[in-house]
Amino acid sequence: MLRRRQNKAFELAPEHSVIRRNLLNLLQRQLASLEQAGRFREALPLHLRRVAIEPNSAVAQRALGYCYAKVGLSETAIGPLTRAIALDPNNPGYYNDLGLAYFDLHLEPRSK
């Protein structure tokens, strides 16, 4: 019930920072619960929702890419992981995750 109300509030006023933050906190708690249980496929739609809410978040992009990789969609993971690097090029973890996605595909990472 609370989740439905927060989603509706966000639809009515997506620019409202308190509503946005509350919805993101709710999503984060749900994601943590699913991922701790190893239920990455179920977490994927929530990651997509999170990225839709905050597309310029390197953390959200990385989490989406990581989730794609965990469900065997390494090729799809490359896009969000590349965006995470573009948003925060100083985070070595993002490069590591991108390298692992390429490794899963038996490909060499593209050089700049």
PDB file of N, CA and C in Angstrom:
ATOM      1  N   MET A   1       0.815  -1.190   0.000  1.00  0.00           N
ATOM      2  CA  MET A   1       0.000   0.000   0.000  1.00  0.00           C
ATOM      3  C   MET A   1       0.867   1.265   0.000  1.00  0.00           C
ATOM      4  N   LEU A   2       1.872   1.303   0.873  1.00  0.00           N
ATOM      5  CA  LEU A   2       2.760   2.458   0.951  1.00  0.00           C
ATOM      6  C   LEU A   2       3.507   2.642  -0.366  1.00  0.00           C
ATOM      7  N   ARG A   3       3.988   1.560  -0.928  1.00  0.00           N
ATOM      8  CA  ARG A   3       4.716   1.636  -2.194  1.00  0.00           C
ATOM      9  C   ARG A   3       3.826   2.207  -3.293  1.00  0.00           C
ATOM     10  N   ARG A   4       2.586   1.779  -3.351  1.00  0.00           N
ATOM     11  CA  ARG A   4       1.646   2.269  -4.355  1.00  0.00           C
ATOM     12  C   ARG A   4       1.420   3.776  -4.172  1.00  0.00           C
ATOM     13  N   ARG A   5       1.296   4.219  -2.931  1.00  0.00           N
ATOM     14  CA  ARG A   5       1.094   5.644  -2.664  1.00  0.00           C
ATOM     15  C   ARG A   5       2.321   6.461  -3.054  1.00  0.00           C
ATOM     16  N   GLN A   6       3.504   5.937  -2.751  1.00  0.00           N
ATOM     17  CA  GLN A   6       4.713   6.665  -3.110  1.00  0.00           C
ATOM     18  C   GLN A   6       4.884   6.727  -4.626  1.00  0.00           C
ATOM     19  N   ASN A   7       4.566   5.653  -5.322  1.00  0.00           N
ATOM     20  CA  ASN A   7       4.638   5.668  -6.776  1.00  0.00           C
ATOM     21  C   ASN A   7       3.670   6.695  -7.349  1.00  0.00           C
ATOM     22  N   LYS A   8       2.457   6.752  -6.814  1.00  0.00           N
ATOM     23  CA  LYS A   8       1.459   7.711  -7.278  1.00  0.00           C
ATOM     24  C   LYS A   8       1.918   9.133  -6.998  1.00  0.00           C
ATOM     25  N   ALA A   9       2.455   9.367  -5.803  1.00  0.00           N
ATOM     26  CA  ALA A   9       2.966  10.696  -5.462  1.00  0.00           C
ATOM     27  C   ALA A   9       4.079  11.096  -6.421  1.00  0.00           C
ATOM     28  N   PHE A  10       4.943  10.166  -6.759  1.00  0.00           N
ATOM     29  CA  PHE A  10       6.033  10.463  -7.691  1.00  0.00           C
ATOM     30  C   PHE A  10       5.484  10.782  -9.076  1.00  0.00           C
ATOM     31  N   GLU A  11       4.467  10.054  -9.517  1.00  0.00           N
ATOM     32  CA  GLU A  11       3.853  10.327 -10.824  1.00  0.00           C
ATOM     33  C   GLU A  11       3.259  11.730 -10.870  1.00  0.00           C
ATOM     34  N   LEU A  12       2.666  12.166  -9.759  1.00  0.00           N
ATOM     35  CA  LEU A  12       2.027  13.475  -9.706  1.00  0.00           C
ATOM     36  C   LEU A  12       3.036  14.618  -9.577  1.00  0.00           C
ATOM     37  N   ALA A  13       4.135  14.378  -8.898  1.00  0.00           N
ATOM     38  CA  ALA A  13       5.126  15.435  -8.669  1.00  0.00           C
ATOM     39  C   ALA A  13       6.542  14.869  -8.725  1.00  0.00           C
ATOM     40  N   PRO A  14       7.000  14.448  -9.921  1.00  0.00           N
ATOM     41  CA  PRO A  14       8.318  13.804 -10.011  1.00  0.00           C
ATOM     42  C   PRO A  14       9.481  14.724  -9.646  1.00  0.00           C
ATOM     43  N   GLU A  15       9.274  16.024  -9.732  1.00  0.00           N
ATOM     44  CA  GLU A  15      10.361  16.958  -9.415  1.00  0.00           C
ATOM     45  C   GLU A  15      10.488  17.225  -7.913  1.00  0.00           C
ATOM     46  N   HIS A  16       9.534  16.764  -7.135  1.00  0.00           N
ATOM     47  CA  HIS A  16       9.547  17.017  -5.691  1.00  0.00           C
ATOM     48  C   HIS A  16      10.625  16.149  -5.037  1.00  0.00           C
ATOM     49  N   SER A  17      11.626  16.787  -4.463  1.00  0.00           N
ATOM     50  CA  SER A  17      12.802  16.067  -3.975  1.00  0.00           C
ATOM     51  C   SER A  17      12.501  15.108  -2.826  1.00  0.00           C
ATOM     52  N   VAL A  18      11.586  15.452  -1.940  1.00  0.00           N
ATOM     53  CA  VAL A  18      11.270  14.562  -0.820  1.00  0.00           C
ATOM     54  C   VAL A  18      10.585  13.300  -1.322  1.00  0.00           C
ATOM     55  N   ILE A  19       9.664  13.448  -2.246  1.00  0.00           N
ATOM     56  CA  ILE A  19       8.975  12.283  -2.822  1.00  0.00           C
ATOM     57  C   ILE A  19       9.983  11.407  -3.552  1.00  0.00           C
ATOM     58  N   ARG A  20      10.839  12.037  -4.334  1.00  0.00           N
ATOM     59  CA  ARG A  20      11.867  11.287  -5.079  1.00  0.00           C
ATOM     60  C   ARG A  20      12.775  10.520  -4.122  1.00  0.00           C
ATOM     61  N   ARG A  21      13.237  11.178  -3.076  1.00  0.00           N
ATOM     62  CA  ARG A  21      14.146  10.533  -2.131  1.00  0.00           C
ATOM     63  C   ARG A  21      13.456   9.392  -1.393  1.00  0.00           C
ATOM     64  N   ASN A  22      12.200   9.591  -0.988  1.00  0.00           N
ATOM     65  CA  ASN A  22      11.458   8.524  -0.310  1.00  0.00           C
ATOM     66  C   ASN A  22      11.287   7.314  -1.213  1.00  0.00           C
ATOM     67  N   LEU A  23      10.944   7.542  -2.475  1.00  0.00           N
ATOM     68  CA  LEU A  23      10.783   6.431  -3.405  1.00  0.00           C
ATOM     69  C   LEU A  23      12.110   5.724  -3.638  1.00  0.00           C
ATOM     70  N   LEU A  24      13.183   6.481  -3.773  1.00  0.00           N
ATOM     71  CA  LEU A  24      14.503   5.865  -3.955  1.00  0.00           C
ATOM     72  C   LEU A  24      14.915   5.051  -2.731  1.00  0.00           C
ATOM     73  N   ASN A  25      14.612   5.551  -1.542  1.00  0.00           N
ATOM     74  CA  ASN A  25      14.915   4.789  -0.320  1.00  0.00           C
ATOM     75  C   ASN A  25      14.131   3.485  -0.280  1.00  0.00           C
ATOM     76  N   LEU A  26      12.869   3.541  -0.653  1.00  0.00           N
ATOM     77  CA  LEU A  26      12.042   2.338  -0.696  1.00  0.00           C
ATOM     78  C   LEU A  26      12.601   1.339  -1.711  1.00  0.00           C
ATOM     79  N   LEU A  27      12.940   1.824  -2.900  1.00  0.00           N
ATOM     80  CA  LEU A  27      13.531   0.952  -3.921  1.00  0.00           C
ATOM     81  C   LEU A  27      14.827   0.329  -3.422  1.00  0.00           C
ATOM     82  N   GLN A  28      15.656   1.132  -2.769  1.00  0.00           N
ATOM     83  CA  GLN A  28      16.937   0.629  -2.284  1.00  0.00           C
ATOM     84  C   GLN A  28      16.749  -0.488  -1.264  1.00  0.00           C
ATOM     85  N   ARG A  29      15.794  -0.322  -0.367  1.00  0.00           N
ATOM     86  CA  ARG A  29      15.533  -1.376   0.628  1.00  0.00           C
ATOM     87  C   ARG A  29      15.045  -2.655  -0.059  1.00  0.00           C
ATOM     88  N   GLN A  30      14.153  -2.511  -1.037  1.00  0.00           N
ATOM     89  CA  GLN A  30      13.659  -3.680  -1.762  1.00  0.00           C
ATOM     90  C   GLN A  30      14.779  -4.348  -2.545  1.00  0.00           C
ATOM     91  N   LEU A  31      15.624  -3.553  -3.177  1.00  0.00           N
ATOM     92  CA  LEU A  31      16.747  -4.106  -3.939  1.00  0.00           C
ATOM     93  C   LEU A  31      17.715  -4.855  -3.031  1.00  0.00           C
ATOM     94  N   ALA A  32      18.025  -4.281  -1.902  1.00  0.00           N
ATOM     95  CA  ALA A  32      18.944  -4.932  -0.969  1.00  0.00           C
ATOM     96  C   ALA A  32      18.393  -6.275  -0.525  1.00  0.00           C
ATOM     97  N   SER A  33      17.119  -6.318  -0.229  1.00  0.00           N
ATOM     98  CA  SER A  33      16.489  -7.566   0.210  1.00  0.00           C
ATOM     99  C   SER A  33      16.534  -8.631  -0.885  1.00  0.00           C
ATOM    100  N   LEU A  34      16.176  -8.244  -2.102  1.00  0.00           N
ATOM    101  CA  LEU A  34      16.182  -9.200  -3.216  1.00  0.00           C
ATOM    102  C   LEU A  34      17.596  -9.688  -3.524  1.00  0.00           C
ATOM    103  N   GLU A  35      18.537  -8.774  -3.563  1.00  0.00           N
ATOM    104  CA  GLU A  35      19.897  -9.152  -3.943  1.00  0.00           C
ATOM    105  C   GLU A  35      20.580  -9.978  -2.861  1.00  0.00           C
ATOM    106  N   GLN A  36      20.300  -9.702  -1.606  1.00  0.00           N
ATOM    107  CA  GLN A  36      20.863 -10.528  -0.538  1.00  0.00           C
ATOM    108  C   GLN A  36      20.349 -11.954  -0.629  1.00  0.00           C
ATOM    109  N   ALA A  37      19.142 -12.111  -1.155  1.00  0.00           N
ATOM    110  CA  ALA A  37      18.563 -13.442  -1.330  1.00  0.00           C
ATOM    111  C   ALA A  37      18.966 -14.060  -2.671  1.00  0.00           C
ATOM    112  N   GLY A  38      19.785 -13.338  -3.458  1.00  0.00           N
ATOM    113  CA  GLY A  38      20.222 -13.854  -4.746  1.00  0.00           C
ATOM    114  C   GLY A  38      19.158 -13.795  -5.826  1.00  0.00           C
ATOM    115  N   ARG A  39      18.160 -12.974  -5.636  1.00  0.00           N
ATOM    116  CA  ARG A  39      17.029 -12.885  -6.577  1.00  0.00           C
ATOM    117  C   ARG A  39      17.221 -11.703  -7.536  1.00  0.00           C
ATOM    118  N   PHE A  40      18.291 -11.779  -8.334  1.00  0.00           N
ATOM    119  CA  PHE A  40      18.670 -10.679  -9.216  1.00  0.00           C
ATOM    120  C   PHE A  40      17.672 -10.472 -10.353  1.00  0.00           C
ATOM    121  N   ARG A  41      17.084 -11.546 -10.851  1.00  0.00           N
ATOM    122  CA  ARG A  41      16.112 -11.397 -11.935  1.00  0.00           C
ATOM    123  C   ARG A  41      14.905 -10.580 -11.469  1.00  0.00           C
ATOM    124  N   GLU A  42      14.480 -10.795 -10.237  1.00  0.00           N
ATOM    125  CA  GLU A  42      13.366 -10.025  -9.691  1.00  0.00           C
ATOM    126  C   GLU A  42      13.779  -8.586  -9.401  1.00  0.00           C
ATOM    127  N   ALA A  43      15.044  -8.369  -9.131  1.00  0.00           N
ATOM    128  CA  ALA A  43      15.536  -7.023  -8.834  1.00  0.00           C
ATOM    129  C   ALA A  43      15.677  -6.162 -10.089  1.00  0.00           C
ATOM    130  N   LEU A  44      15.812  -6.784 -11.235  1.00  0.00           N
ATOM    131  CA  LEU A  44      16.067  -6.056 -12.472  1.00  0.00           C
ATOM    132  C   LEU A  44      15.044  -4.958 -12.765  1.00  0.00           C
ATOM    133  N   PRO A  45      13.729  -5.213 -12.679  1.00  0.00           N
ATOM    134  CA  PRO A  45      12.774  -4.125 -12.939  1.00  0.00           C
ATOM    135  C   PRO A  45      12.901  -2.964 -11.955  1.00  0.00           C
ATOM    136  N   LEU A  46      13.291  -3.266 -10.727  1.00  0.00           N
ATOM    137  CA  LEU A  46      13.473  -2.202  -9.743  1.00  0.00           C
ATOM    138  C   LEU A  46      14.695  -1.351 -10.082  1.00  0.00           C
ATOM    139  N   HIS A  47      15.748  -1.993 -10.589  1.00  0.00           N
ATOM    140  CA  HIS A  47      16.924  -1.233 -11.033  1.00  0.00           C
ATOM    141  C   HIS A  47      16.559  -0.341 -12.213  1.00  0.00           C
ATOM    142  N   LEU A  48      15.760  -0.850 -13.125  1.00  0.00           N
ATOM    143  CA  LEU A  48      15.332  -0.036 -14.266  1.00  0.00           C
ATOM    144  C   LEU A  48      14.517   1.165 -13.797  1.00  0.00           C
ATOM    145  N   ARG A  49      13.669   0.948 -12.815  1.00  0.00           N
ATOM    146  CA  ARG A  49      12.872   2.043 -12.244  1.00  0.00           C
ATOM    147  C   ARG A  49      13.794   3.073 -11.581  1.00  0.00           C
ATOM    148  N   ARG A  50      14.794   2.592 -10.855  1.00  0.00           N
ATOM    149  CA  ARG A  50      15.731   3.500 -10.183  1.00  0.00           C
ATOM    150  C   ARG A  50      16.483   4.350 -11.190  1.00  0.00           C
ATOM    151  N   VAL A  51      16.940   3.739 -12.267  1.00  0.00           N
ATOM    152  CA  VAL A  51      17.675   4.487 -13.289  1.00  0.00           C
ATOM    153  C   VAL A  51      16.746   5.483 -13.986  1.00  0.00           C
ATOM    154  N   ALA A  52      15.482   5.137 -14.136  1.00  0.00           N
ATOM    155  CA  ALA A  52      14.528   6.074 -14.729  1.00  0.00           C
ATOM    156  C   ALA A  52      14.339   7.300 -13.840  1.00  0.00           C
ATOM    157  N   ILE A  53      14.401   7.107 -12.537  1.00  0.00           N
ATOM    158  CA  ILE A  53      14.232   8.203 -11.589  1.00  0.00           C
ATOM    159  C   ILE A  53      15.488   9.056 -11.507  1.00  0.00           C
ATOM    160  N   GLU A  54      16.644   8.412 -11.523  1.00  0.00           N
ATOM    161  CA  GLU A  54      17.912   9.155 -11.428  1.00  0.00           C
ATOM    162  C   GLU A  54      18.900   8.676 -12.494  1.00  0.00           C
ATOM    163  N   PRO A  55      18.651   9.065 -13.756  1.00  0.00           N
ATOM    164  CA  PRO A  55      19.492   8.578 -14.854  1.00  0.00           C
ATOM    165  C   PRO A  55      20.941   9.051 -14.800  1.00  0.00           C
ATOM    166  N   ASN A  56      21.211  10.125 -14.091  1.00  0.00           N
ATOM    167  CA  ASN A  56      22.575  10.641 -14.019  1.00  0.00           C
ATOM    168  C   ASN A  56      23.314  10.186 -12.778  1.00  0.00           C
ATOM    169  N   SER A  57      22.850   9.107 -12.189  1.00  0.00           N
ATOM    170  CA  SER A  57      23.523   8.535 -11.031  1.00  0.00           C
ATOM    171  C   SER A  57      24.446   7.406 -11.483  1.00  0.00           C
ATOM    172  N   ALA A  58      25.730   7.598 -11.271  1.00  0.00           N
ATOM    173  CA  ALA A  58      26.685   6.552 -11.624  1.00  0.00           C
ATOM    174  C   ALA A  58      26.426   5.296 -10.802  1.00  0.00           C
ATOM    175  N   VAL A  59      26.049   5.464  -9.555  1.00  0.00           N
ATOM    176  CA  VAL A  59      25.773   4.323  -8.678  1.00  0.00           C
ATOM    177  C   VAL A  59      24.596   3.515  -9.212  1.00  0.00           C
ATOM    178  N   ALA A  60      23.531   4.197  -9.635  1.00  0.00           N
ATOM    179  CA  ALA A  60      22.357   3.502 -10.167  1.00  0.00           C
ATOM    180  C   ALA A  60      22.697   2.788 -11.478  1.00  0.00           C
ATOM    181  N   GLN A  61      23.470   3.443 -12.345  1.00  0.00           N
ATOM    182  CA  GLN A  61      23.860   2.829 -13.619  1.00  0.00           C
ATOM    183  C   GLN A  61      24.723   1.593 -13.372  1.00  0.00           C
ATOM    184  N   ARG A  62      25.666   1.694 -12.439  1.00  0.00           N
ATOM    185  CA  ARG A  62      26.534   0.559 -12.129  1.00  0.00           C
ATOM    186  C   ARG A  62      25.723  -0.602 -11.568  1.00  0.00           C
ATOM    187  N   ALA A  63      24.776  -0.296 -10.678  1.00  0.00           N
ATOM    188  CA  ALA A  63      23.958  -1.348 -10.072  1.00  0.00           C
ATOM    189  C   ALA A  63      23.121  -2.054 -11.131  1.00  0.00           C
ATOM    190  N   LEU A  64      22.584  -1.296 -12.085  1.00  0.00           N
ATOM    191  CA  LEU A  64      21.814  -1.899 -13.175  1.00  0.00           C
ATOM    192  C   LEU A  64      22.707  -2.818 -14.003  1.00  0.00           C
ATOM    193  N   GLY A  65      23.887  -2.328 -14.366  1.00  0.00           N
ATOM    194  CA  GLY A  65      24.816  -3.143 -15.150  1.00  0.00           C
ATOM    195  C   GLY A  65      25.230  -4.406 -14.419  1.00  0.00           C
ATOM    196  N   TYR A  66      25.513  -4.266 -13.144  1.00  0.00           N
ATOM    197  CA  TYR A  66      25.901  -5.424 -12.328  1.00  0.00           C
ATOM    198  C   TYR A  66      24.768  -6.449 -12.292  1.00  0.00           C
ATOM    199  N   CYS A  67      23.544  -5.968 -12.132  1.00  0.00           N
ATOM    200  CA  CYS A  67      22.393  -6.869 -12.082  1.00  0.00           C
ATOM    201  C   CYS A  67      22.220  -7.596 -13.414  1.00  0.00           C
ATOM    202  N   TYR A  68      22.356  -6.862 -14.516  1.00  0.00           N
ATOM    203  CA  TYR A  68      22.287  -7.515 -15.829  1.00  0.00           C
ATOM    204  C   TYR A  68      23.333  -8.634 -15.919  1.00  0.00           C
ATOM    205  N   ALA A  69      24.538  -8.347 -15.496  1.00  0.00           N
ATOM    206  CA  ALA A  69      25.601  -9.357 -15.558  1.00  0.00           C
ATOM    207  C   ALA A  69      25.269 -10.569 -14.693  1.00  0.00           C
ATOM    208  N   LYS A  70      24.699 -10.330 -13.514  1.00  0.00           N
ATOM    209  CA  LYS A  70      24.372 -11.431 -12.597  1.00  0.00           C
ATOM    210  C   LYS A  70      23.300 -12.362 -13.164  1.00  0.00           C
ATOM    211  N   VAL A  71      22.448 -11.851 -14.060  1.00  0.00           N
ATOM    212  CA  VAL A  71      21.412 -12.711 -14.646  1.00  0.00           C
ATOM    213  C   VAL A  71      21.840 -13.230 -16.018  1.00  0.00           C
ATOM    214  N   GLY A  72      23.126 -13.057 -16.344  1.00  0.00           N
ATOM    215  CA  GLY A  72      23.647 -13.619 -17.584  1.00  0.00           C
ATOM    216  C   GLY A  72      23.479 -12.733 -18.802  1.00  0.00           C
ATOM    217  N   LEU A  73      23.187 -11.460 -18.589  1.00  0.00           N
ATOM    218  CA  LEU A  73      23.022 -10.529 -19.709  1.00  0.00           C
ATOM    219  C   LEU A  73      24.209  -9.567 -19.767  1.00  0.00           C
ATOM    220  N   SER A  74      25.404 -10.142 -19.886  1.00  0.00           N
ATOM    221  CA  SER A  74      26.623  -9.334 -19.854  1.00  0.00           C
ATOM    222  C   SER A  74      26.693  -8.345 -21.001  1.00  0.00           C
ATOM    223  N   GLU A  75      26.187  -8.712 -22.151  1.00  0.00           N
ATOM    224  CA  GLU A  75      26.215  -7.777 -23.284  1.00  0.00           C
ATOM    225  C   GLU A  75      25.357  -6.552 -22.983  1.00  0.00           C
ATOM    226  N   THR A  76      24.214  -6.760 -22.364  1.00  0.00           N
ATOM    227  CA  THR A  76      23.337  -5.659 -21.984  1.00  0.00           C
ATOM    228  C   THR A  76      23.949  -4.839 -20.856  1.00  0.00           C
ATOM    229  N   ALA A  77      24.755  -5.466 -20.017  1.00  0.00           N
ATOM    230  CA  ALA A  77      25.391  -4.782 -18.890  1.00  0.00           C
ATOM    231  C   ALA A  77      26.396  -3.728 -19.336  1.00  0.00           C
ATOM    232  N   ILE A  78      26.954  -3.895 -20.503  1.00  0.00           N
ATOM    233  CA  ILE A  78      28.006  -2.995 -20.968  1.00  0.00           C
ATOM    234  C   ILE A  78      27.515  -1.549 -21.066  1.00  0.00           C
ATOM    235  N   GLY A  79      26.287  -1.336 -21.541  1.00  0.00           N
ATOM    236  CA  GLY A  79      25.753   0.024 -21.673  1.00  0.00           C
ATOM    237  C   GLY A  79      25.704   0.772 -20.350  1.00  0.00           C
ATOM    238  N   PRO A  80      24.987   0.258 -19.340  1.00  0.00           N
ATOM    239  CA  PRO A  80      24.940   0.967 -18.060  1.00  0.00           C
ATOM    240  C   PRO A  80      26.305   1.097 -17.390  1.00  0.00           C
ATOM    241  N   LEU A  81      27.156   0.094 -17.526  1.00  0.00           N
ATOM    242  CA  LEU A  81      28.477   0.186 -16.910  1.00  0.00           C
ATOM    243  C   LEU A  81      29.321   1.262 -17.584  1.00  0.00           C
ATOM    244  N   THR A  82      29.195   1.383 -18.890  1.00  0.00           N
ATOM    245  CA  THR A  82      29.901   2.430 -19.622  1.00  0.00           C
ATOM    246  C   THR A  82      29.379   3.807 -19.209  1.00  0.00           C
ATOM    247  N   ARG A  83      28.055   3.927 -19.025  1.00  0.00           N
ATOM    248  CA  ARG A  83      27.479   5.196 -18.563  1.00  0.00           C
ATOM    249  C   ARG A  83      27.958   5.532 -17.151  1.00  0.00           C
ATOM    250  N   ALA A  84      28.077   4.525 -16.294  1.00  0.00           N
ATOM    251  CA  ALA A  84      28.581   4.772 -14.934  1.00  0.00           C
ATOM    252  C   ALA A  84      29.987   5.356 -14.989  1.00  0.00           C
ATOM    253  N   ILE A  85      30.812   4.820 -15.857  1.00  0.00           N
ATOM    254  CA  ILE A  85      32.184   5.328 -16.002  1.00  0.00           C
ATOM    255  C   ILE A  85      32.169   6.757 -16.536  1.00  0.00           C
ATOM    256  N   ALA A  86      31.295   7.034 -17.503  1.00  0.00           N
ATOM    257  CA  ALA A  86      31.212   8.393 -18.050  1.00  0.00           C
ATOM    258  C   ALA A  86      30.779   9.386 -16.968  1.00  0.00           C
ATOM    259  N   LEU A  87      29.904   8.956 -16.072  1.00  0.00           N
ATOM    260  CA  LEU A  87      29.424   9.827 -15.002  1.00  0.00           C
ATOM    261  C   LEU A  87      30.434   9.982 -13.869  1.00  0.00           C
ATOM    262  N   ASP A  88      31.229   8.946 -13.627  1.00  0.00           N
ATOM    263  CA  ASP A  88      32.213   8.976 -12.539  1.00  0.00           C
ATOM    264  C   ASP A  88      33.468   8.218 -12.979  1.00  0.00           C
ATOM    265  N   PRO A  89      34.298   8.857 -13.790  1.00  0.00           N
ATOM    266  CA  PRO A  89      35.468   8.165 -14.334  1.00  0.00           C
ATOM    267  C   PRO A  89      36.562   7.856 -13.322  1.00  0.00           C
ATOM    268  N   ASN A  90      36.424   8.334 -12.102  1.00  0.00           N
ATOM    269  CA  ASN A  90      37.459   8.102 -11.092  1.00  0.00           C
ATOM    270  C   ASN A  90      37.172   6.910 -10.190  1.00  0.00           C
ATOM    271  N   ASN A  91      36.141   6.150 -10.486  1.00  0.00           N
ATOM    272  CA  ASN A  91      35.797   4.994  -9.647  1.00  0.00           C
ATOM    273  C   ASN A  91      36.339   3.725 -10.309  1.00  0.00           C
ATOM    274  N   PRO A  92      37.391   3.142  -9.758  1.00  0.00           N
ATOM    275  CA  PRO A  92      37.990   1.950 -10.389  1.00  0.00           C
ATOM    276  C   PRO A  92      37.064   0.738 -10.380  1.00  0.00           C
ATOM    277  N   GLY A  93      36.117   0.675  -9.457  1.00  0.00           N
ATOM    278  CA  GLY A  93      35.184  -0.450  -9.408  1.00  0.00           C
ATOM    279  C   GLY A  93      34.332  -0.548 -10.657  1.00  0.00           C
ATOM    280  N   TYR A  94      33.995   0.602 -11.230  1.00  0.00           N
ATOM    281  CA  TYR A  94      33.184   0.597 -12.451  1.00  0.00           C
ATOM    282  C   TYR A  94      33.965  -0.016 -13.614  1.00  0.00           C
ATOM    283  N   TYR A  95      35.248   0.310 -13.703  1.00  0.00           N
ATOM    284  CA  TYR A  95      36.094  -0.274 -14.752  1.00  0.00           C
ATOM    285  C   TYR A  95      36.221  -1.787 -14.553  1.00  0.00           C
ATOM    286  N   ASN A  96      36.352  -2.191 -13.312  1.00  0.00           N
ATOM    287  CA  ASN A  96      36.439  -3.620 -13.003  1.00  0.00           C
ATOM    288  C   ASN A  96      35.180  -4.350 -13.459  1.00  0.00           C
ATOM    289  N   ASP A  97      34.011  -3.797 -13.116  1.00  0.00           N
ATOM    290  CA  ASP A  97      32.754  -4.439 -13.513  1.00  0.00           C
ATOM    291  C   ASP A  97      32.603  -4.496 -15.023  1.00  0.00           C
ATOM    292  N   LEU A  98      33.006  -3.426 -15.705  1.00  0.00           N
ATOM    293  CA  LEU A  98      32.939  -3.424 -17.169  1.00  0.00           C
ATOM    294  C   LEU A  98      33.886  -4.467 -17.746  1.00  0.00           C
ATOM    295  N   GLY A  99      35.075  -4.558 -17.186  1.00  0.00           N
ATOM    296  CA  GLY A  99      36.027  -5.576 -17.645  1.00  0.00           C
ATOM    297  C   GLY A  99      35.498  -6.981 -17.452  1.00  0.00           C
ATOM    298  N   LEU A 100      34.833  -7.218 -16.330  1.00  0.00           N
ATOM    299  CA  LEU A 100      34.246  -8.543 -16.084  1.00  0.00           C
ATOM    300  C   LEU A 100      33.133  -8.853 -17.083  1.00  0.00           C
ATOM    301  N   ALA A 101      32.347  -7.846 -17.440  1.00  0.00           N
ATOM    302  CA  ALA A 101      31.289  -8.061 -18.432  1.00  0.00           C
ATOM    303  C   ALA A 101      31.899  -8.448 -19.775  1.00  0.00           C
ATOM    304  N   TYR A 102      32.956  -7.734 -20.172  1.00  0.00           N
ATOM    305  CA  TYR A 102      33.641  -8.092 -21.413  1.00  0.00           C
ATOM    306  C   TYR A 102      34.261  -9.485 -21.309  1.00  0.00           C
ATOM    307  N   PHE A 103      34.831  -9.797 -20.176  1.00  0.00           N
ATOM    308  CA  PHE A 103      35.427 -11.112 -19.965  1.00  0.00           C
ATOM    309  C   PHE A 103      34.373 -12.209 -20.129  1.00  0.00           C
ATOM    310  N   ASP A 104      33.190 -11.991 -19.565  1.00  0.00           N
ATOM    311  CA  ASP A 104      32.109 -12.972 -19.699  1.00  0.00           C
ATOM    312  C   ASP A 104      31.733 -13.201 -21.155  1.00  0.00           C
ATOM    313  N   LEU A 105      31.900 -12.179 -21.966  1.00  0.00           N
ATOM    314  CA  LEU A 105      31.572 -12.283 -23.395  1.00  0.00           C
ATOM    315  C   LEU A 105      32.770 -12.726 -24.236  1.00  0.00           C
ATOM    316  N   HIS A 106      33.902 -12.943 -23.575  1.00  0.00           N
ATOM    317  CA  HIS A 106      35.150 -13.322 -24.256  1.00  0.00           C
ATOM    318  C   HIS A 106      35.570 -12.252 -25.273  1.00  0.00           C
ATOM    319  N   LEU A 107      35.380 -10.981 -24.875  1.00  0.00           N
ATOM    320  CA  LEU A 107      35.747  -9.866 -25.740  1.00  0.00           C
ATOM    321  C   LEU A 107      36.817  -9.016 -25.063  1.00  0.00           C
ATOM    322  N   GLU A 108      37.558  -8.298 -25.876  1.00  0.00           N
ATOM    323  CA  GLU A 108      38.526  -7.338 -25.369  1.00  0.00           C
ATOM    324  C   GLU A 108      37.794  -6.005 -25.189  1.00  0.00           C
ATOM    325  N   PRO A 109      37.992  -5.320 -24.051  1.00  0.00           N
ATOM    326  CA  PRO A 109      37.392  -3.984 -23.899  1.00  0.00           C
ATOM    327  C   PRO A 109      37.887  -3.053 -24.985  1.00  0.00           C
ATOM    328  N   ARG A 110      37.018  -2.163 -25.429  1.00  0.00           N
ATOM    329  CA  ARG A 110      37.406  -1.184 -26.445  1.00  0.00           C
ATOM    330  C   ARG A 110      38.267  -0.118 -25.795  1.00  0.00           C
ATOM    331  N   SER A 111      39.332   0.247 -26.489  1.00  0.00           N
ATOM    332  CA  SER A 111      40.170   1.340 -25.970  1.00  0.00           C
ATOM    333  C   SER A 111      39.566   2.655 -26.433  1.00  0.00           C
ATOM    334  N   LYS A 112      39.911   3.703 -25.680  1.00  0.00           N
ATOM    335  CA  LYS A 112      39.353   5.029 -26.009  1.00  0.00           C
ATOM    336  C   LYS A 112      39.997   5.629 -27.214  1.00  0.00           C
TER     337      LYS A 112
END
